[in-house]
């Protein structure tokens, strides 16, 4: 487990289906939308009875400083 360089919160890293790194909040929660399977993060539909991960970008106060431009 690592910590965010900006806010110091605990994060864990995963790979997206495109092979890019994504910071995740380390504990799955109800309302999350990222399934982590074999170290690969995949966005799924939230389910009220299933705990899933959330991207750390969703709650980091400095998220915009770390975002990359989208590929087109």
C-alpha atoms as a PDB file:
ATOM      1  CA  UNK A   1       0.000   0.000   0.000  1.00  0.00           C
ATOM      2  CA  UNK A   2       1.208   3.496  -0.835  1.00  0.00           C
ATOM      3  CA  UNK A   3       0.103   7.017  -0.038  1.00  0.00           C
ATOM      4  CA  UNK A   4      -1.060   9.835  -2.296  1.00  0.00           C
ATOM      5  CA  UNK A   5       1.702  12.383  -2.966  1.00  0.00           C
ATOM      6  CA  UNK A   6      -0.776  15.251  -2.603  1.00  0.00           C
ATOM      7  CA  UNK A   7      -3.136  14.465   0.246  1.00  0.00           C
ATOM      8  CA  UNK A   8      -1.278  11.649   2.032  1.00  0.00           C
ATOM      9  CA  UNK A   9      -4.248   9.256   1.990  1.00  0.00           C
ATOM     10  CA  UNK A  10      -3.604   5.540   1.699  1.00  0.00           C
ATOM     11  CA  UNK A  11      -3.979   4.222  -1.859  1.00  0.00           C
ATOM     12  CA  UNK A  12      -3.418   1.003  -3.709  1.00  0.00           C
ATOM     13  CA  UNK A  13      -2.423   0.759  -7.353  1.00  0.00           C
ATOM     14  CA  UNK A  14      -4.021  -1.353 -10.069  1.00  0.00           C
ATOM     15  CA  UNK A  15      -3.826  -1.585 -13.848  1.00  0.00           C
ATOM     16  CA  UNK A  16      -6.750  -0.608 -16.047  1.00  0.00           C
ATOM     17  CA  UNK A  17      -7.880  -2.818 -18.905  1.00  0.00           C
ATOM     18  CA  UNK A  18      -5.737  -0.531 -21.109  1.00  0.00           C
ATOM     19  CA  UNK A  19      -2.665  -1.259 -19.001  1.00  0.00           C
ATOM     20  CA  UNK A  20      -2.522   2.179 -17.359  1.00  0.00           C
ATOM     21  CA  UNK A  21      -1.974   2.664 -13.619  1.00  0.00           C
ATOM     22  CA  UNK A  22      -4.912   3.833 -11.522  1.00  0.00           C
ATOM     23  CA  UNK A  23      -4.884   4.802  -7.828  1.00  0.00           C
ATOM     24  CA  UNK A  24      -7.692   3.225  -5.828  1.00  0.00           C
ATOM     25  CA  UNK A  25      -8.968   3.855  -2.338  1.00  0.00           C
ATOM     26  CA  UNK A  26      -7.752   0.725  -0.504  1.00  0.00           C
ATOM     27  CA  UNK A  27     -11.053  -0.434   0.984  1.00  0.00           C
ATOM     28  CA  UNK A  28     -14.018  -1.543  -1.139  1.00  0.00           C
ATOM     29  CA  UNK A  29     -17.287   0.225  -0.301  1.00  0.00           C
ATOM     30  CA  UNK A  30     -20.964  -0.072  -1.150  1.00  0.00           C
ATOM     31  CA  UNK A  31     -21.499   2.337  -4.032  1.00  0.00           C
ATOM     32  CA  UNK A  32     -18.072   1.757  -5.538  1.00  0.00           C
ATOM     33  CA  UNK A  33     -17.819   1.150  -9.267  1.00  0.00           C
ATOM     34  CA  UNK A  34     -14.458  -0.546  -9.847  1.00  0.00           C
ATOM     35  CA  UNK A  35     -14.076  -4.294  -9.772  1.00  0.00           C
ATOM     36  CA  UNK A  36     -10.563  -5.531  -9.089  1.00  0.00           C
ATOM     37  CA  UNK A  37      -9.891  -8.960 -10.533  1.00  0.00           C
ATOM     38  CA  UNK A  38      -6.386 -10.423 -10.819  1.00  0.00           C
ATOM     39  CA  UNK A  39      -4.924  -6.938 -10.328  1.00  0.00           C
ATOM     40  CA  UNK A  40      -6.915  -5.442 -13.220  1.00  0.00           C
ATOM     41  CA  UNK A  41      -9.396  -2.648 -12.499  1.00  0.00           C
ATOM     42  CA  UNK A  42     -12.598  -2.632 -14.525  1.00  0.00           C
ATOM     43  CA  UNK A  43     -15.457  -0.127 -14.224  1.00  0.00           C
ATOM     44  CA  UNK A  44     -18.776  -1.839 -13.494  1.00  0.00           C
ATOM     45  CA  UNK A  45     -22.282  -0.800 -12.560  1.00  0.00           C
ATOM     46  CA  UNK A  46     -22.551  -0.128  -8.793  1.00  0.00           C
ATOM     47  CA  UNK A  47     -24.706  -2.621  -6.883  1.00  0.00           C
ATOM     48  CA  UNK A  48     -26.316  -1.844  -3.501  1.00  0.00           C
ATOM     49  CA  UNK A  49     -25.268  -5.191  -1.990  1.00  0.00           C
ATOM     50  CA  UNK A  50     -21.704  -5.453  -3.345  1.00  0.00           C
ATOM     51  CA  UNK A  51     -18.623  -3.654  -2.077  1.00  0.00           C
ATOM     52  CA  UNK A  52     -16.423  -2.371  -4.894  1.00  0.00           C
ATOM     53  CA  UNK A  53     -13.433  -0.066  -5.115  1.00  0.00           C
ATOM     54  CA  UNK A  54     -13.453   3.632  -5.993  1.00  0.00           C
ATOM     55  CA  UNK A  55     -10.841   5.638  -7.807  1.00  0.00           C
ATOM     56  CA  UNK A  56      -8.821   7.846  -5.487  1.00  0.00           C
ATOM     57  CA  UNK A  57      -9.453  10.643  -8.013  1.00  0.00           C
ATOM     58  CA  UNK A  58     -13.079  10.648  -6.800  1.00  0.00           C
ATOM     59  CA  UNK A  59     -12.167  12.100  -3.407  1.00  0.00           C
ATOM     60  CA  UNK A  60      -8.606  13.472  -3.612  1.00  0.00           C
ATOM     61  CA  UNK A  61      -8.631  17.264  -3.193  1.00  0.00           C
ATOM     62  CA  UNK A  62      -5.720  17.510  -5.654  1.00  0.00           C
ATOM     63  CA  UNK A  63      -6.992  15.063  -8.279  1.00  0.00           C
ATOM     64  CA  UNK A  64      -6.755  17.537 -11.154  1.00  0.00           C
ATOM     65  CA  UNK A  65      -3.022  17.981 -10.570  1.00  0.00           C
ATOM     66  CA  UNK A  66      -2.468  14.295 -11.351  1.00  0.00           C
ATOM     67  CA  UNK A  67      -4.827  13.753 -14.271  1.00  0.00           C
ATOM     68  CA  UNK A  68      -3.429  13.213 -17.731  1.00  0.00           C
ATOM     69  CA  UNK A  69      -4.999  14.491 -20.917  1.00  0.00           C
ATOM     70  CA  UNK A  70      -7.394  11.996 -22.447  1.00  0.00           C
ATOM     71  CA  UNK A  71      -6.282  10.130 -25.501  1.00  0.00           C
ATOM     72  CA  UNK A  72      -8.325  10.744 -28.594  1.00  0.00           C
END
